[in-house]
Amino acid sequence: MTSKPVSIDKPVSPVVYRDRAFISRTLVMRDGRLLQVSAHRVEAPDAEAQAFLDAHPDLERLPE
């Protein structure tokens, strides 16, 4: 029996974004997850959310 290589996903640190258009709103990802903007800020807890927010024209990634 051969074993398959197992890929271990490197954990991603949460990233904070600034919403340049709205003080508060709810962003809905394709998988149905909700990301809440509050005080112009929204946090992306994982790589999928980061990719979603990186592609959004109103949002800018804040320096860590």
PDB file of N, CA and C in Angstrom:
ATOM      1  N   MET A   1       0.850  -1.174   0.000  1.00  0.00           N
ATOM      2  CA  MET A   1       0.000   0.000   0.000  1.00  0.00           C
ATOM      3  C   MET A   1       0.894   1.236   0.000  1.00  0.00           C
ATOM      4  N   THR A   2       0.592   2.158  -0.894  1.00  0.00           N
ATOM      5  CA  THR A   2       1.361   3.399  -0.944  1.00  0.00           C
ATOM      6  C   THR A   2       0.588   4.488  -0.226  1.00  0.00           C
ATOM      7  N   SER A   3       1.309   5.334   0.410  1.00  0.00           N
ATOM      8  CA  SER A   3       0.638   6.432   1.100  1.00  0.00           C
ATOM      9  C   SER A   3       0.710   7.683   0.237  1.00  0.00           C
ATOM     10  N   LYS A   4      -0.349   8.428   0.259  1.00  0.00           N
ATOM     11  CA  LYS A   4      -0.411   9.675  -0.492  1.00  0.00           C
ATOM     12  C   LYS A   4       0.247  10.771   0.331  1.00  0.00           C
ATOM     13  N   PRO A   5       0.953  11.667  -0.334  1.00  0.00           N
ATOM     14  CA  PRO A   5       1.497  12.799   0.419  1.00  0.00           C
ATOM     15  C   PRO A   5       0.367  13.678   0.929  1.00  0.00           C
ATOM     16  N   VAL A   6       0.505  14.113   2.135  1.00  0.00           N
ATOM     17  CA  VAL A   6      -0.509  14.956   2.749  1.00  0.00           C
ATOM     18  C   VAL A   6       0.000  16.383   2.750  1.00  0.00           C
ATOM     19  N   SER A   7      -0.790  17.276   2.170  1.00  0.00           N
ATOM     20  CA  SER A   7      -0.393  18.678   2.192  1.00  0.00           C
ATOM     21  C   SER A   7      -0.966  19.330   3.445  1.00  0.00           C
ATOM     22  N   ILE A   8      -0.117  20.018   4.127  1.00  0.00           N
ATOM     23  CA  ILE A   8      -0.546  20.712   5.335  1.00  0.00           C
ATOM     24  C   ILE A   8      -0.628  22.194   4.996  1.00  0.00           C
ATOM     25  N   ASP A   9      -1.826  22.724   5.084  1.00  0.00           N
ATOM     26  CA  ASP A   9      -2.017  24.138   4.793  1.00  0.00           C
ATOM     27  C   ASP A   9      -1.413  24.961   5.912  1.00  0.00           C
ATOM     28  N   LYS A  10      -0.591  25.912   5.513  1.00  0.00           N
ATOM     29  CA  LYS A  10       0.011  26.810   6.479  1.00  0.00           C
ATOM     30  C   LYS A  10      -1.076  27.736   7.015  1.00  0.00           C
ATOM     31  N   PRO A  11      -1.189  27.849   8.335  1.00  0.00           N
ATOM     32  CA  PRO A  11      -2.202  28.751   8.878  1.00  0.00           C
ATOM     33  C   PRO A  11      -1.951  30.192   8.422  1.00  0.00           C
ATOM     34  N   VAL A  12      -3.022  30.896   8.169  1.00  0.00           N
ATOM     35  CA  VAL A  12      -2.928  32.270   7.703  1.00  0.00           C
ATOM     36  C   VAL A  12      -3.324  33.179   8.861  1.00  0.00           C
ATOM     37  N   SER A  13      -2.520  34.202   9.085  1.00  0.00           N
ATOM     38  CA  SER A  13      -2.862  35.184  10.116  1.00  0.00           C
ATOM     39  C   SER A  13      -3.991  36.066   9.606  1.00  0.00           C
ATOM     40  N   PRO A  14      -4.908  36.449  10.488  1.00  0.00           N
ATOM     41  CA  PRO A  14      -5.982  37.358  10.062  1.00  0.00           C
ATOM     42  C   PRO A  14      -5.403  38.674   9.540  1.00  0.00           C
ATOM     43  N   VAL A  15      -6.063  39.229   8.539  1.00  0.00           N
ATOM     44  CA  VAL A  15      -5.640  40.484   7.935  1.00  0.00           C
ATOM     45  C   VAL A  15      -6.796  41.474   8.053  1.00  0.00           C
ATOM     46  N   VAL A  16      -6.472  42.722   8.375  1.00  0.00           N
ATOM     47  CA  VAL A  16      -7.491  43.767   8.511  1.00  0.00           C
ATOM     48  C   VAL A  16      -7.486  44.638   7.258  1.00  0.00           C
ATOM     49  N   TYR A  17      -8.687  44.979   6.808  1.00  0.00           N
ATOM     50  CA  TYR A  17      -8.879  45.824   5.634  1.00  0.00           C
ATOM     51  C   TYR A  17      -9.646  47.074   6.035  1.00  0.00           C
ATOM     52  N   ARG A  18      -9.429  48.151   5.297  1.00  0.00           N
ATOM     53  CA  ARG A  18     -10.164  49.395   5.489  1.00  0.00           C
ATOM     54  C   ARG A  18     -11.151  49.538   4.339  1.00  0.00           C
ATOM     55  N   ASP A  19     -12.399  49.801   4.691  1.00  0.00           N
ATOM     56  CA  ASP A  19     -13.442  50.043   3.699  1.00  0.00           C
ATOM     57  C   ASP A  19     -13.465  51.546   3.424  1.00  0.00           C
ATOM     58  N   ARG A  20     -13.120  51.935   2.211  1.00  0.00           N
ATOM     59  CA  ARG A  20     -13.051  53.347   1.852  1.00  0.00           C
ATOM     60  C   ARG A  20     -14.422  53.932   1.508  1.00  0.00           C
ATOM     61  N   ALA A  21     -15.430  53.089   1.346  1.00  0.00           N
ATOM     62  CA  ALA A  21     -16.736  53.574   0.904  1.00  0.00           C
ATOM     63  C   ALA A  21     -17.796  53.600   2.009  1.00  0.00           C
ATOM     64  N   PHE A  22     -17.727  52.674   2.950  1.00  0.00           N
ATOM     65  CA  PHE A  22     -18.784  52.551   3.957  1.00  0.00           C
ATOM     66  C   PHE A  22     -18.202  52.456   5.365  1.00  0.00           C
ATOM     67  N   ILE A  23     -18.942  53.016   6.320  1.00  0.00           N
ATOM     68  CA  ILE A  23     -18.567  52.886   7.731  1.00  0.00           C
ATOM     69  C   ILE A  23     -18.935  51.500   8.220  1.00  0.00           C
ATOM     70  N   SER A  24     -20.110  51.025   7.830  1.00  0.00           N
ATOM     71  CA  SER A  24     -20.534  49.676   8.213  1.00  0.00           C
ATOM     72  C   SER A  24     -21.361  49.076   7.087  1.00  0.00           C
ATOM     73  N   ARG A  25     -21.201  47.786   6.906  1.00  0.00           N
ATOM     74  CA  ARG A  25     -21.988  47.014   5.939  1.00  0.00           C
ATOM     75  C   ARG A  25     -21.650  45.549   6.117  1.00  0.00           C
ATOM     76  N   THR A  26     -22.412  44.693   5.447  1.00  0.00           N
ATOM     77  CA  THR A  26     -22.167  43.260   5.463  1.00  0.00           C
ATOM     78  C   THR A  26     -21.772  42.826   4.062  1.00  0.00           C
ATOM     79  N   LEU A  27     -20.646  42.141   3.962  1.00  0.00           N
ATOM     80  CA  LEU A  27     -20.184  41.591   2.692  1.00  0.00           C
ATOM     81  C   LEU A  27     -20.497  40.103   2.689  1.00  0.00           C
ATOM     82  N   VAL A  28     -21.064  39.620   1.594  1.00  0.00           N
ATOM     83  CA  VAL A  28     -21.457  38.212   1.484  1.00  0.00           C
ATOM     84  C   VAL A  28     -20.520  37.524   0.501  1.00  0.00           C
ATOM     85  N   MET A  29     -19.813  36.510   0.997  1.00  0.00           N
ATOM     86  CA  MET A  29     -18.916  35.741   0.143  1.00  0.00           C
ATOM     87  C   MET A  29     -19.723  34.728  -0.661  1.00  0.00           C
ATOM     88  N   ARG A  30     -19.112  34.174  -1.699  1.00  0.00           N
ATOM     89  CA  ARG A  30     -19.814  33.206  -2.570  1.00  0.00           C
ATOM     90  C   ARG A  30     -20.308  31.979  -1.820  1.00  0.00           C
ATOM     91  N   ASP A  31     -19.572  31.587  -0.763  1.00  0.00           N
ATOM     92  CA  ASP A  31     -19.982  30.404  -0.001  1.00  0.00           C
ATOM     93  C   ASP A  31     -21.040  30.736   1.053  1.00  0.00           C
ATOM     94  N   GLY A  32     -21.493  32.008   1.082  1.00  0.00           N
ATOM     95  CA  GLY A  32     -22.543  32.407   2.004  1.00  0.00           C
ATOM     96  C   GLY A  32     -22.045  33.005   3.310  1.00  0.00           C
ATOM     97  N   ARG A  33     -20.749  32.962   3.534  1.00  0.00           N
ATOM     98  CA  ARG A  33     -20.222  33.548   4.766  1.00  0.00           C
ATOM     99  C   ARG A  33     -20.377  35.053   4.740  1.00  0.00           C
ATOM    100  N   LEU A  34     -20.579  35.627   5.911  1.00  0.00           N
ATOM    101  CA  LEU A  34     -20.749  37.061   6.053  1.00  0.00           C
ATOM    102  C   LEU A  34     -19.517  37.668   6.709  1.00  0.00           C
ATOM    103  N   LEU A  35     -19.063  38.783   6.154  1.00  0.00           N
ATOM    104  CA  LEU A  35     -17.966  39.541   6.743  1.00  0.00           C
ATOM    105  C   LEU A  35     -18.525  40.915   7.097  1.00  0.00           C
ATOM    106  N   GLN A  36     -18.393  41.305   8.352  1.00  0.00           N
ATOM    107  CA  GLN A  36     -18.969  42.541   8.844  1.00  0.00           C
ATOM    108  C   GLN A  36     -17.953  43.682   8.823  1.00  0.00           C
ATOM    109  N   VAL A  37     -18.321  44.768   8.179  1.00  0.00           N
ATOM    110  CA  VAL A  37     -17.528  45.991   8.210  1.00  0.00           C
ATOM    111  C   VAL A  37     -18.067  46.829   9.363  1.00  0.00           C
ATOM    112  N   SER A  38     -17.182  47.271  10.237  1.00  0.00           N
ATOM    113  CA  SER A  38     -17.557  48.114  11.360  1.00  0.00           C
ATOM    114  C   SER A  38     -16.467  49.156  11.548  1.00  0.00           C
ATOM    115  N   ALA A  39     -16.859  50.413  11.633  1.00  0.00           N
ATOM    116  CA  ALA A  39     -15.906  51.522  11.776  1.00  0.00           C
ATOM    117  C   ALA A  39     -14.864  51.491  10.656  1.00  0.00           C
ATOM    118  N   HIS A  40     -15.337  51.239   9.439  1.00  0.00           N
ATOM    119  CA  HIS A  40     -14.501  51.179   8.229  1.00  0.00           C
ATOM    120  C   HIS A  40     -13.545  49.984   8.212  1.00  0.00           C
ATOM    121  N   ARG A  41     -13.675  49.027   9.105  1.00  0.00           N
ATOM    122  CA  ARG A  41     -12.729  47.911   9.170  1.00  0.00           C
ATOM    123  C   ARG A  41     -13.440  46.568   9.069  1.00  0.00           C
ATOM    124  N   VAL A  42     -12.758  45.640   8.403  1.00  0.00           N
ATOM    125  CA  VAL A  42     -13.243  44.269   8.305  1.00  0.00           C
ATOM    126  C   VAL A  42     -12.029  43.353   8.378  1.00  0.00           C
ATOM    127  N   GLU A  43     -12.187  42.220   9.053  1.00  0.00           N
ATOM    128  CA  GLU A  43     -11.083  41.282   9.216  1.00  0.00           C
ATOM    129  C   GLU A  43     -11.320  40.044   8.355  1.00  0.00           C
ATOM    130  N   ALA A  44     -10.262  39.610   7.686  1.00  0.00           N
ATOM    131  CA  ALA A  44     -10.298  38.378   6.893  1.00  0.00           C
ATOM    132  C   ALA A  44      -9.568  37.299   7.689  1.00  0.00           C
ATOM    133  N   PRO A  45     -10.303  36.315   8.203  1.00  0.00           N
ATOM    134  CA  PRO A  45      -9.683  35.318   9.072  1.00  0.00           C
ATOM    135  C   PRO A  45      -8.924  34.209   8.348  1.00  0.00           C
ATOM    136  N   ASP A  46      -9.143  34.057   7.043  1.00  0.00           N
ATOM    137  CA  ASP A  46      -8.502  32.959   6.317  1.00  0.00           C
ATOM    138  C   ASP A  46      -8.149  33.385   4.893  1.00  0.00           C
ATOM    139  N   ALA A  47      -7.452  32.525   4.189  1.00  0.00           N
ATOM    140  CA  ALA A  47      -6.955  32.842   2.840  1.00  0.00           C
ATOM    141  C   ALA A  47      -8.096  33.101   1.855  1.00  0.00           C
ATOM    142  N   GLU A  48      -9.182  32.363   1.969  1.00  0.00           N
ATOM    143  CA  GLU A  48     -10.317  32.551   1.056  1.00  0.00           C
ATOM    144  C   GLU A  48     -10.945  33.931   1.251  1.00  0.00           C
ATOM    145  N   ALA A  49     -11.117  34.334   2.498  1.00  0.00           N
ATOM    146  CA  ALA A  49     -11.676  35.660   2.787  1.00  0.00           C
ATOM    147  C   ALA A  49     -10.708  36.751   2.337  1.00  0.00           C
ATOM    148  N   GLN A  50      -9.425  36.531   2.505  1.00  0.00           N
ATOM    149  CA  GLN A  50      -8.428  37.509   2.061  1.00  0.00           C
ATOM    150  C   GLN A  50      -8.477  37.692   0.554  1.00  0.00           C
ATOM    151  N   ALA A  51      -8.601  36.610  -0.190  1.00  0.00           N
ATOM    152  CA  ALA A  51      -8.695  36.696  -1.650  1.00  0.00           C
ATOM    153  C   ALA A  51      -9.958  37.459  -2.051  1.00  0.00           C
ATOM    154  N   PHE A  52     -11.052  37.202  -1.357  1.00  0.00           N
ATOM    155  CA  PHE A  52     -12.309  37.892  -1.629  1.00  0.00           C
ATOM    156  C   PHE A  52     -12.160  39.393  -1.384  1.00  0.00           C
ATOM    157  N   LEU A  53     -11.572  39.776  -0.254  1.00  0.00           N
ATOM    158  CA  LEU A  53     -11.424  41.183   0.084  1.00  0.00           C
ATOM    159  C   LEU A  53     -10.364  41.864  -0.774  1.00  0.00           C
ATOM    160  N   ASP A  54      -9.303  41.147  -1.142  1.00  0.00           N
ATOM    161  CA  ASP A  54      -8.284  41.714  -2.032  1.00  0.00           C
ATOM    162  C   ASP A  54      -8.887  42.115  -3.374  1.00  0.00           C
ATOM    163  N   ALA A  55      -9.882  41.374  -3.840  1.00  0.00           N
ATOM    164  CA  ALA A  55     -10.495  41.634  -5.144  1.00  0.00           C
ATOM    165  C   ALA A  55     -11.554  42.740  -5.090  1.00  0.00           C
ATOM    166  N   HIS A  56     -11.935  43.170  -3.894  1.00  0.00           N
ATOM    167  CA  HIS A  56     -12.995  44.169  -3.758  1.00  0.00           C
ATOM    168  C   HIS A  56     -12.430  45.574  -3.991  1.00  0.00           C
ATOM    169  N   PRO A  57     -13.037  46.362  -4.882  1.00  0.00           N
ATOM    170  CA  PRO A  57     -12.474  47.673  -5.225  1.00  0.00           C
ATOM    171  C   PRO A  57     -12.533  48.711  -4.106  1.00  0.00           C
ATOM    172  N   ASP A  58     -13.428  48.563  -3.134  1.00  0.00           N
ATOM    173  CA  ASP A  58     -13.571  49.542  -2.055  1.00  0.00           C
ATOM    174  C   ASP A  58     -12.663  49.271  -0.861  1.00  0.00           C
ATOM    175  N   LEU A  59     -11.960  48.154  -0.871  1.00  0.00           N
ATOM    176  CA  LEU A  59     -11.211  47.751   0.310  1.00  0.00           C
ATOM    177  C   LEU A  59      -9.706  47.810   0.067  1.00  0.00           C
ATOM    178  N   GLU A  60      -8.996  48.210   1.116  1.00  0.00           N
ATOM    179  CA  GLU A  60      -7.535  48.216   1.041  1.00  0.00           C
ATOM    180  C   GLU A  60      -6.975  47.484   2.256  1.00  0.00           C
ATOM    181  N   ARG A  61      -5.993  46.667   1.996  1.00  0.00           N
ATOM    182  CA  ARG A  61      -5.339  45.903   3.060  1.00  0.00           C
ATOM    183  C   ARG A  61      -4.504  46.863   3.900  1.00  0.00           C
ATOM    184  N   LEU A  62      -4.647  46.780   5.212  1.00  0.00           N
ATOM    185  CA  LEU A  62      -3.867  47.626   6.105  1.00  0.00           C
ATOM    186  C   LEU A  62      -2.553  46.931   6.448  1.00  0.00           C
ATOM    187  N   PRO A  63      -1.506  47.718   6.664  1.00  0.00           N
ATOM    188  CA  PRO A  63      -0.223  47.101   7.053  1.00  0.00           C
ATOM    189  C   PRO A  63      -0.359  46.402   8.384  1.00  0.00           C
ATOM    190  N   GLU A  64       0.399  45.344   8.517  1.00  0.00           N
ATOM    191  CA  GLU A  64       0.333  44.556   9.763  1.00  0.00           C
ATOM    192  C   GLU A  64       1.063  45.201  10.889  1.00  0.00           C
TER     193      GLU A  64
END
